[in-house]
Amino acid sequence: MADIHTPHPLPSIPEFLAAMNVRQIPVGPDSPDAPHVQLQAPDGWEQLDSDAFPGTREVWLRTGSGDPTWTDNVVVLVSRLSHPTDTAAILRCAPTECRRMPDWQEISVDSTPDNEFPSVAVTGTYAGADMSFWAYNRFAVINTERDQHLIQTTITIRTDTGTTPRDGETISAGLKIKTKDPESYPSQEYSGTPRLGLSVSDTDAYLETPTPHRDRTTPSTSKWSGE
């Protein structure tokens, strides 16, 4: 079994997409027809103007913490991929960014689809700069006849001040992807026989773990190992 304290042997999603020459094109709130995340925050959270945070779709902050050094937050990023790519291969890389965090302690990796869309969510804790955090990071891929979108939702709660991750758990439990495109077909791309773009055999040159269900325990022997 792979030690969760060691760097994840697969590339991160941005690294994998870059290796496949796929660009991530940010999609902002001014693109109402693009997929988005339905988010219900508890009392005490405020949605900010995403224009102040270029490249984001939504940004939420917990108000009234009184902490001048940190604010608990939710960040939603939506990007359109420049050309279609194997969904399963993308999502195999989902845990990597979290597993590179300092003192990362993994709680769960969940590959349950989000509203039937392929998705991987990683939950855990990490520490840095004399602070401790609870973190939730979910990637989902939405495929349509025209486009492929990647949605990343990150929730970060500081816990060393006595705050529990209850709000983060509430927010993550209520997340739901919405799309206005009736031609979305969520599950086929995750079955191992993609309908769009690169095949699983193409991406196996970069990835050699079978599925997101097992990549938390199965080390890779791909060319990315040790990099």
C-alpha atoms as a PDB file:
ATOM      1  CA  MET A   1       0.000   0.000   0.000  1.00  0.00           C
ATOM      2  CA  ALA A   2       1.338   3.402  -0.937  1.00  0.00           C
ATOM      3  CA  ASP A   3       2.211   5.717   1.948  1.00  0.00           C
ATOM      4  CA  ILE A   4      -0.064   8.775   1.776  1.00  0.00           C
ATOM      5  CA  HIS A   5       2.761  10.901   3.165  1.00  0.00           C
ATOM      6  CA  THR A   6       4.892  10.353   0.058  1.00  0.00           C
ATOM      7  CA  PRO A   7       4.450  12.461  -3.099  1.00  0.00           C
ATOM      8  CA  HIS A   8       1.783  11.043  -5.365  1.00  0.00           C
ATOM      9  CA  PRO A   9       3.434   9.220  -8.290  1.00  0.00           C
ATOM     10  CA  LEU A  10       1.020  10.581 -10.904  1.00  0.00           C
ATOM     11  CA  PRO A  11       1.132  14.108 -12.340  1.00  0.00           C
ATOM     12  CA  SER A  12      -1.353  16.696 -11.220  1.00  0.00           C
ATOM     13  CA  ILE A  13      -4.262  17.372 -13.557  1.00  0.00           C
ATOM     14  CA  PRO A  14      -2.674  20.606 -14.925  1.00  0.00           C
ATOM     15  CA  GLU A  15       0.605  18.756 -15.497  1.00  0.00           C
ATOM     16  CA  PHE A  16      -1.138  15.904 -17.278  1.00  0.00           C
ATOM     17  CA  LEU A  17      -3.154  18.240 -19.503  1.00  0.00           C
ATOM     18  CA  ALA A  18      -0.027  20.212 -20.356  1.00  0.00           C
ATOM     19  CA  ALA A  19       1.767  16.987 -21.266  1.00  0.00           C
ATOM     20  CA  MET A  20      -1.129  16.140 -23.584  1.00  0.00           C
ATOM     21  CA  ASN A  21      -0.977  19.658 -25.113  1.00  0.00           C
ATOM     22  CA  VAL A  22      -4.420  20.498 -23.759  1.00  0.00           C
ATOM     23  CA  ARG A  23      -5.026  24.111 -22.683  1.00  0.00           C
ATOM     24  CA  GLN A  24      -7.407  25.059 -19.888  1.00  0.00           C
ATOM     25  CA  ILE A  25      -9.442  28.101 -20.947  1.00  0.00           C
ATOM     26  CA  PRO A  26     -11.056  29.801 -17.909  1.00  0.00           C
ATOM     27  CA  VAL A  27     -14.823  30.210 -18.015  1.00  0.00           C
ATOM     28  CA  GLY A  28     -16.206  33.090 -15.953  1.00  0.00           C
ATOM     29  CA  PRO A  29     -19.686  34.042 -14.747  1.00  0.00           C
ATOM     30  CA  ASP A  30     -20.291  35.861 -18.037  1.00  0.00           C
ATOM     31  CA  SER A  31     -20.706  32.459 -19.752  1.00  0.00           C
ATOM     32  CA  PRO A  32     -24.151  31.417 -18.463  1.00  0.00           C
ATOM     33  CA  ASP A  33     -24.432  28.443 -20.823  1.00  0.00           C
ATOM     34  CA  ALA A  34     -21.309  26.780 -19.432  1.00  0.00           C
ATOM     35  CA  PRO A  35     -21.679  24.172 -16.672  1.00  0.00           C
ATOM     36  CA  HIS A  36     -21.546  25.529 -13.139  1.00  0.00           C
ATOM     37  CA  VAL A  37     -21.692  24.396  -9.527  1.00  0.00           C
ATOM     38  CA  GLN A  38     -24.825  24.858  -7.444  1.00  0.00           C
ATOM     39  CA  LEU A  39     -23.514  25.837  -4.023  1.00  0.00           C
ATOM     40  CA  GLN A  40     -25.424  26.507  -0.834  1.00  0.00           C
ATOM     41  CA  ALA A  41     -23.270  28.087   1.861  1.00  0.00           C
ATOM     42  CA  PRO A  42     -24.318  28.216   5.538  1.00  0.00           C
ATOM     43  CA  ASP A  43     -25.039  31.485   7.303  1.00  0.00           C
ATOM     44  CA  GLY A  44     -21.923  33.587   7.738  1.00  0.00           C
ATOM     45  CA  TRP A  45     -20.557  33.001   4.244  1.00  0.00           C
ATOM     46  CA  GLU A  46     -20.489  35.667   1.551  1.00  0.00           C
ATOM     47  CA  GLN A  47     -20.001  35.346  -2.192  1.00  0.00           C
ATOM     48  CA  LEU A  48     -17.485  37.822  -3.562  1.00  0.00           C
ATOM     49  CA  ASP A  49     -17.287  39.433  -6.971  1.00  0.00           C
ATOM     50  CA  SER A  50     -15.281  36.925  -8.989  1.00  0.00           C
ATOM     51  CA  ASP A  51     -13.912  39.783 -11.127  1.00  0.00           C
ATOM     52  CA  ALA A  52     -11.596  40.489  -8.204  1.00  0.00           C
ATOM     53  CA  PHE A  53     -10.157  36.977  -8.617  1.00  0.00           C
ATOM     54  CA  PRO A  54      -9.311  36.513 -12.307  1.00  0.00           C
ATOM     55  CA  GLY A  55      -9.823  33.009 -13.635  1.00  0.00           C
ATOM     56  CA  THR A  56     -12.382  31.989 -11.008  1.00  0.00           C
ATOM     57  CA  ARG A  57     -16.060  31.181 -11.457  1.00  0.00           C
ATOM     58  CA  GLU A  58     -17.108  31.670  -7.814  1.00  0.00           C
ATOM     59  CA  VAL A  59     -15.377  32.709  -4.595  1.00  0.00           C
ATOM     60  CA  TRP A  60     -16.987  32.472  -1.146  1.00  0.00           C
ATOM     61  CA  LEU A  61     -15.502  33.606   2.192  1.00  0.00           C
ATOM     62  CA  ARG A  62     -16.562  33.028   5.782  1.00  0.00           C
ATOM     63  CA  THR A  63     -17.213  36.454   7.306  1.00  0.00           C
ATOM     64  CA  GLY A  64     -16.587  37.719  10.811  1.00  0.00           C
ATOM     65  CA  SER A  65     -13.720  35.419  11.758  1.00  0.00           C
ATOM     66  CA  GLY A  66     -11.615  38.289  13.065  1.00  0.00           C
ATOM     67  CA  ASP A  67      -8.467  36.529  11.863  1.00  0.00           C
ATOM     68  CA  PRO A  68      -6.237  38.994   9.978  1.00  0.00           C
ATOM     69  CA  THR A  69      -4.060  36.209   8.552  1.00  0.00           C
ATOM     70  CA  TRP A  70      -6.611  33.781   7.130  1.00  0.00           C
ATOM     71  CA  THR A  71     -10.198  33.522   5.838  1.00  0.00           C
ATOM     72  CA  ASP A  72     -11.945  30.199   5.247  1.00  0.00           C
ATOM     73  CA  ASN A  73     -12.918  29.973   1.605  1.00  0.00           C
ATOM     74  CA  VAL A  74     -14.566  28.155  -1.275  1.00  0.00           C
ATOM     75  CA  VAL A  75     -13.168  28.589  -4.779  1.00  0.00           C
ATOM     76  CA  VAL A  76     -14.823  27.260  -7.950  1.00  0.00           C
ATOM     77  CA  LEU A  77     -12.824  27.098 -11.177  1.00  0.00           C
ATOM     78  CA  VAL A  78     -14.432  26.182 -14.497  1.00  0.00           C
ATOM     79  CA  SER A  79     -12.355  25.718 -17.621  1.00  0.00           C
ATOM     80  CA  ARG A  80     -13.029  24.574 -21.153  1.00  0.00           C
ATOM     81  CA  LEU A  81     -10.440  22.163 -22.501  1.00  0.00           C
ATOM     82  CA  SER A  82      -8.923  23.101 -25.836  1.00  0.00           C
ATOM     83  CA  HIS A  83      -9.545  19.624 -27.190  1.00  0.00           C
ATOM     84  CA  PRO A  84     -11.260  16.502 -25.831  1.00  0.00           C
ATOM     85  CA  THR A  85      -9.239  14.233 -23.582  1.00  0.00           C
ATOM     86  CA  ASP A  86      -9.861  10.894 -21.890  1.00  0.00           C
ATOM     87  CA  THR A  87     -11.962  11.673 -18.812  1.00  0.00           C
ATOM     88  CA  ALA A  88     -10.794   8.631 -16.848  1.00  0.00           C
ATOM     89  CA  ALA A  89      -7.151   9.603 -17.353  1.00  0.00           C
ATOM     90  CA  ILE A  90      -7.811  13.164 -16.172  1.00  0.00           C
ATOM     91  CA  LEU A  91      -9.531  12.019 -13.000  1.00  0.00           C
ATOM     92  CA  ARG A  92      -6.811   9.505 -12.135  1.00  0.00           C
ATOM     93  CA  CYS A  93      -4.630  12.531 -11.432  1.00  0.00           C
ATOM     94  CA  ALA A  94      -7.149  14.247  -9.126  1.00  0.00           C
ATOM     95  CA  PRO A  95      -5.521  13.380  -5.754  1.00  0.00           C
ATOM     96  CA  THR A  96      -2.023  14.537  -6.684  1.00  0.00           C
ATOM     97  CA  GLU A  97      -2.249  18.242  -5.774  1.00  0.00           C
ATOM     98  CA  CYS A  98      -3.593  17.425  -2.307  1.00  0.00           C
ATOM     99  CA  ARG A  99      -1.032  14.709  -1.665  1.00  0.00           C
ATOM    100  CA  ARG A 100       1.745  17.215  -2.285  1.00  0.00           C
ATOM    101  CA  MET A 101       0.531  19.482   0.526  1.00  0.00           C
ATOM    102  CA  PRO A 102       2.760  19.593   3.638  1.00  0.00           C
ATOM    103  CA  ASP A 103       1.900  17.003   6.295  1.00  0.00           C
ATOM    104  CA  TRP A 104      -1.042  15.777   4.203  1.00  0.00           C
ATOM    105  CA  GLN A 105      -3.318  13.354   6.080  1.00  0.00           C
ATOM    106  CA  GLU A 106      -5.861  11.779   3.757  1.00  0.00           C
ATOM    107  CA  ILE A 107      -9.411  11.223   4.987  1.00  0.00           C
ATOM    108  CA  SER A 108     -11.099   9.949   1.837  1.00  0.00           C
ATOM    109  CA  VAL A 109     -11.031   9.689  -1.943  1.00  0.00           C
ATOM    110  CA  ASP A 110     -14.529   9.493  -3.411  1.00  0.00           C
ATOM    111  CA  SER A 111     -15.167   8.736  -7.079  1.00  0.00           C
ATOM    112  CA  THR A 112     -18.954   8.886  -6.823  1.00  0.00           C
ATOM    113  CA  PRO A 113     -20.345  10.768  -9.862  1.00  0.00           C
ATOM    114  CA  ASP A 114     -21.648  14.279  -9.228  1.00  0.00           C
ATOM    115  CA  ASN A 115     -25.198  14.472 -10.597  1.00  0.00           C
ATOM    116  CA  GLU A 116     -24.070  11.592 -12.871  1.00  0.00           C
ATOM    117  CA  PHE A 117     -21.005  13.488 -14.088  1.00  0.00           C
ATOM    118  CA  PRO A 118     -17.610  11.768 -13.598  1.00  0.00           C
ATOM    119  CA  SER A 119     -16.019  13.186 -10.462  1.00  0.00           C
ATOM    120  CA  VAL A 120     -13.287  12.566  -7.886  1.00  0.00           C
ATOM    121  CA  ALA A 121     -13.284  14.284  -4.489  1.00  0.00           C
ATOM    122  CA  VAL A 122     -10.317  14.242  -2.106  1.00  0.00           C
ATOM    123  CA  THR A 123     -10.672  15.197   1.573  1.00  0.00           C
ATOM    124  CA  GLY A 124      -7.905  15.546   4.123  1.00  0.00           C
ATOM    125  CA  THR A 125      -5.892  17.808   6.394  1.00  0.00           C
ATOM    126  CA  TYR A 126      -2.551  19.540   6.042  1.00  0.00           C
ATOM    127  CA  ALA A 127      -0.372  21.976   7.978  1.00  0.00           C
ATOM    128  CA  GLY A 128       1.813  24.921   7.077  1.00  0.00           C
ATOM    129  CA  ALA A 129       3.062  28.240   8.482  1.00  0.00           C
ATOM    130  CA  ASP A 130       2.001  27.234  12.004  1.00  0.00           C
ATOM    131  CA  MET A 131      -1.570  26.679  10.828  1.00  0.00           C
ATOM    132  CA  SER A 132      -3.642  23.533  10.248  1.00  0.00           C
ATOM    133  CA  PHE A 133      -6.344  23.114   7.618  1.00  0.00           C
ATOM    134  CA  TRP A 134      -9.172  20.832   6.545  1.00  0.00           C
ATOM    135  CA  ALA A 135      -9.406  20.680   2.758  1.00  0.00           C
ATOM    136  CA  TYR A 136     -11.852  19.313   0.187  1.00  0.00           C
ATOM    137  CA  ASN A 137     -10.889  19.283  -3.482  1.00  0.00           C
ATOM    138  CA  ARG A 138     -13.228  17.940  -6.149  1.00  0.00           C
ATOM    139  CA  PHE A 139     -12.696  17.640  -9.896  1.00  0.00           C
ATOM    140  CA  ALA A 140     -15.527  16.861 -12.305  1.00  0.00           C
ATOM    141  CA  VAL A 141     -15.545  16.510 -16.085  1.00  0.00           C
ATOM    142  CA  ILE A 142     -18.535  17.499 -18.202  1.00  0.00           C
ATOM    143  CA  ASN A 143     -18.658  16.310 -21.795  1.00  0.00           C
ATOM    144  CA  THR A 144     -21.031  17.585 -24.445  1.00  0.00           C
ATOM    145  CA  GLU A 145     -21.194  17.211 -28.200  1.00  0.00           C
ATOM    146  CA  ARG A 146     -19.437  20.575 -28.510  1.00  0.00           C
ATOM    147  CA  ASP A 147     -17.086  20.974 -25.539  1.00  0.00           C
ATOM    148  CA  GLN A 148     -15.388  19.350 -22.595  1.00  0.00           C
ATOM    149  CA  HIS A 149     -15.252  21.248 -19.296  1.00  0.00           C
ATOM    150  CA  LEU A 150     -13.281  20.676 -16.112  1.00  0.00           C
ATOM    151  CA  ILE A 151     -14.712  21.960 -12.819  1.00  0.00           C
ATOM    152  CA  GLN A 152     -12.598  22.202  -9.676  1.00  0.00           C
ATOM    153  CA  THR A 153     -14.178  23.072  -6.327  1.00  0.00           C
ATOM    154  CA  THR A 154     -11.869  23.674  -3.373  1.00  0.00           C
ATOM    155  CA  ILE A 155     -13.000  24.230   0.227  1.00  0.00           C
ATOM    156  CA  THR A 156     -10.396  25.180   2.840  1.00  0.00           C
ATOM    157  CA  ILE A 157     -11.119  25.589   6.572  1.00  0.00           C
ATOM    158  CA  ARG A 158      -8.531  26.558   9.172  1.00  0.00           C
ATOM    159  CA  THR A 159      -8.836  24.197  12.157  1.00  0.00           C
ATOM    160  CA  ASP A 160      -6.019  25.021  14.598  1.00  0.00           C
ATOM    161  CA  THR A 161      -8.051  27.929  16.017  1.00  0.00           C
ATOM    162  CA  GLY A 162     -10.756  25.584  17.284  1.00  0.00           C
ATOM    163  CA  THR A 163     -12.982  25.879  14.208  1.00  0.00           C
ATOM    164  CA  THR A 164     -14.438  22.566  13.084  1.00  0.00           C
ATOM    165  CA  PRO A 165     -14.793  21.616   9.412  1.00  0.00           C
ATOM    166  CA  ARG A 166     -18.580  21.358   9.820  1.00  0.00           C
ATOM    167  CA  ASP A 167     -19.298  24.225   7.405  1.00  0.00           C
ATOM    168  CA  GLY A 168     -16.968  22.712   4.838  1.00  0.00           C
ATOM    169  CA  GLU A 169     -18.665  19.344   5.170  1.00  0.00           C
ATOM    170  CA  THR A 170     -22.071  20.991   4.773  1.00  0.00           C
ATOM    171  CA  ILE A 171     -21.001  22.856   1.656  1.00  0.00           C
ATOM    172  CA  SER A 172     -19.359  19.817   0.065  1.00  0.00           C
ATOM    173  CA  ALA A 173     -22.407  17.645   0.742  1.00  0.00           C
ATOM    174  CA  GLY A 174     -24.669  20.130  -1.051  1.00  0.00           C
ATOM    175  CA  LEU A 175     -22.575  20.692  -4.175  1.00  0.00           C
ATOM    176  CA  LYS A 176     -24.244  19.807  -7.457  1.00  0.00           C
ATOM    177  CA  ILE A 177     -23.148  20.370 -11.033  1.00  0.00           C
ATOM    178  CA  LYS A 178     -25.676  21.992 -13.341  1.00  0.00           C
ATOM    179  CA  THR A 179     -25.583  22.263 -17.125  1.00  0.00           C
ATOM    180  CA  LYS A 180     -27.995  23.827 -19.573  1.00  0.00           C
ATOM    181  CA  ASP A 181     -26.864  21.557 -22.390  1.00  0.00           C
ATOM    182  CA  PRO A 182     -29.350  18.698 -22.898  1.00  0.00           C
ATOM    183  CA  GLU A 183     -26.771  16.870 -25.007  1.00  0.00           C
ATOM    184  CA  SER A 184     -24.414  16.284 -22.089  1.00  0.00           C
ATOM    185  CA  TYR A 185     -23.553  12.630 -21.782  1.00  0.00           C
ATOM    186  CA  PRO A 186     -21.854  12.151 -18.419  1.00  0.00           C
ATOM    187  CA  SER A 187     -21.075   8.486 -17.995  1.00  0.00           C
ATOM    188  CA  GLN A 188     -19.685   7.190 -21.289  1.00  0.00           C
ATOM    189  CA  GLU A 189     -16.348   8.985 -20.902  1.00  0.00           C
ATOM    190  CA  TYR A 190     -15.719   7.242 -17.582  1.00  0.00           C
ATOM    191  CA  SER A 191     -16.354   3.701 -18.772  1.00  0.00           C
ATOM    192  CA  GLY A 192     -12.918   3.065 -20.250  1.00  0.00           C
ATOM    193  CA  THR A 193     -14.175   3.461 -23.833  1.00  0.00           C
ATOM    194  CA  PRO A 194     -14.161   7.230 -24.371  1.00  0.00           C
ATOM    195  CA  ARG A 195     -16.355   8.678 -27.094  1.00  0.00           C
ATOM    196  CA  LEU A 196     -14.202  11.776 -27.427  1.00  0.00           C
ATOM    197  CA  GLY A 197     -10.556  12.426 -28.106  1.00  0.00           C
ATOM    198  CA  LEU A 198      -7.745  10.258 -26.814  1.00  0.00           C
ATOM    199  CA  SER A 199      -8.213   6.613 -25.932  1.00  0.00           C
ATOM    200  CA  VAL A 200      -7.220   4.973 -22.679  1.00  0.00           C
ATOM    201  CA  SER A 201      -4.324   3.270 -24.464  1.00  0.00           C
ATOM    202  CA  ASP A 202      -3.005   6.687 -25.552  1.00  0.00           C
ATOM    203  CA  THR A 203      -2.975   8.008 -22.016  1.00  0.00           C
ATOM    204  CA  ASP A 204      -1.557   4.820 -20.527  1.00  0.00           C
ATOM    205  CA  ALA A 205       1.812   6.041 -21.786  1.00  0.00           C
ATOM    206  CA  TYR A 206       1.531   8.603 -18.972  1.00  0.00           C
ATOM    207  CA  LEU A 207      -0.706   6.791 -16.488  1.00  0.00           C
ATOM    208  CA  GLU A 208      -0.506   3.200 -15.365  1.00  0.00           C
ATOM    209  CA  THR A 209      -2.902   3.046 -12.416  1.00  0.00           C
ATOM    210  CA  PRO A 210      -6.281   1.574 -13.338  1.00  0.00           C
ATOM    211  CA  THR A 211      -8.938   3.837 -11.808  1.00  0.00           C
ATOM    212  CA  PRO A 212      -9.440   6.630  -9.245  1.00  0.00           C
ATOM    213  CA  HIS A 213     -10.906   3.977  -6.922  1.00  0.00           C
ATOM    214  CA  ARG A 214      -7.474   2.414  -6.504  1.00  0.00           C
ATOM    215  CA  ASP A 215      -4.941   5.148  -7.122  1.00  0.00           C
ATOM    216  CA  ARG A 216      -4.804   5.996  -3.430  1.00  0.00           C
ATOM    217  CA  THR A 217      -3.246   2.579  -2.710  1.00  0.00           C
ATOM    218  CA  THR A 218      -1.591   1.506  -5.975  1.00  0.00           C
ATOM    219  CA  PRO A 219       1.737   3.175  -6.821  1.00  0.00           C
ATOM    220  CA  SER A 220       2.398   4.047 -10.454  1.00  0.00           C
ATOM    221  CA  THR A 221       5.337   2.808 -12.472  1.00  0.00           C
ATOM    222  CA  SER A 222       4.847   5.472 -15.132  1.00  0.00           C
ATOM    223  CA  LYS A 223       7.461   7.899 -16.339  1.00  0.00           C
ATOM    224  CA  TRP A 224       6.120  10.418 -13.829  1.00  0.00           C
ATOM    225  CA  SER A 225       7.317   8.402 -10.822  1.00  0.00           C
ATOM    226  CA  GLY A 226       9.839  10.315  -8.795  1.00  0.00           C
ATOM    227  CA  GLU A 227       9.342  13.551 -10.674  1.00  0.00           C
END
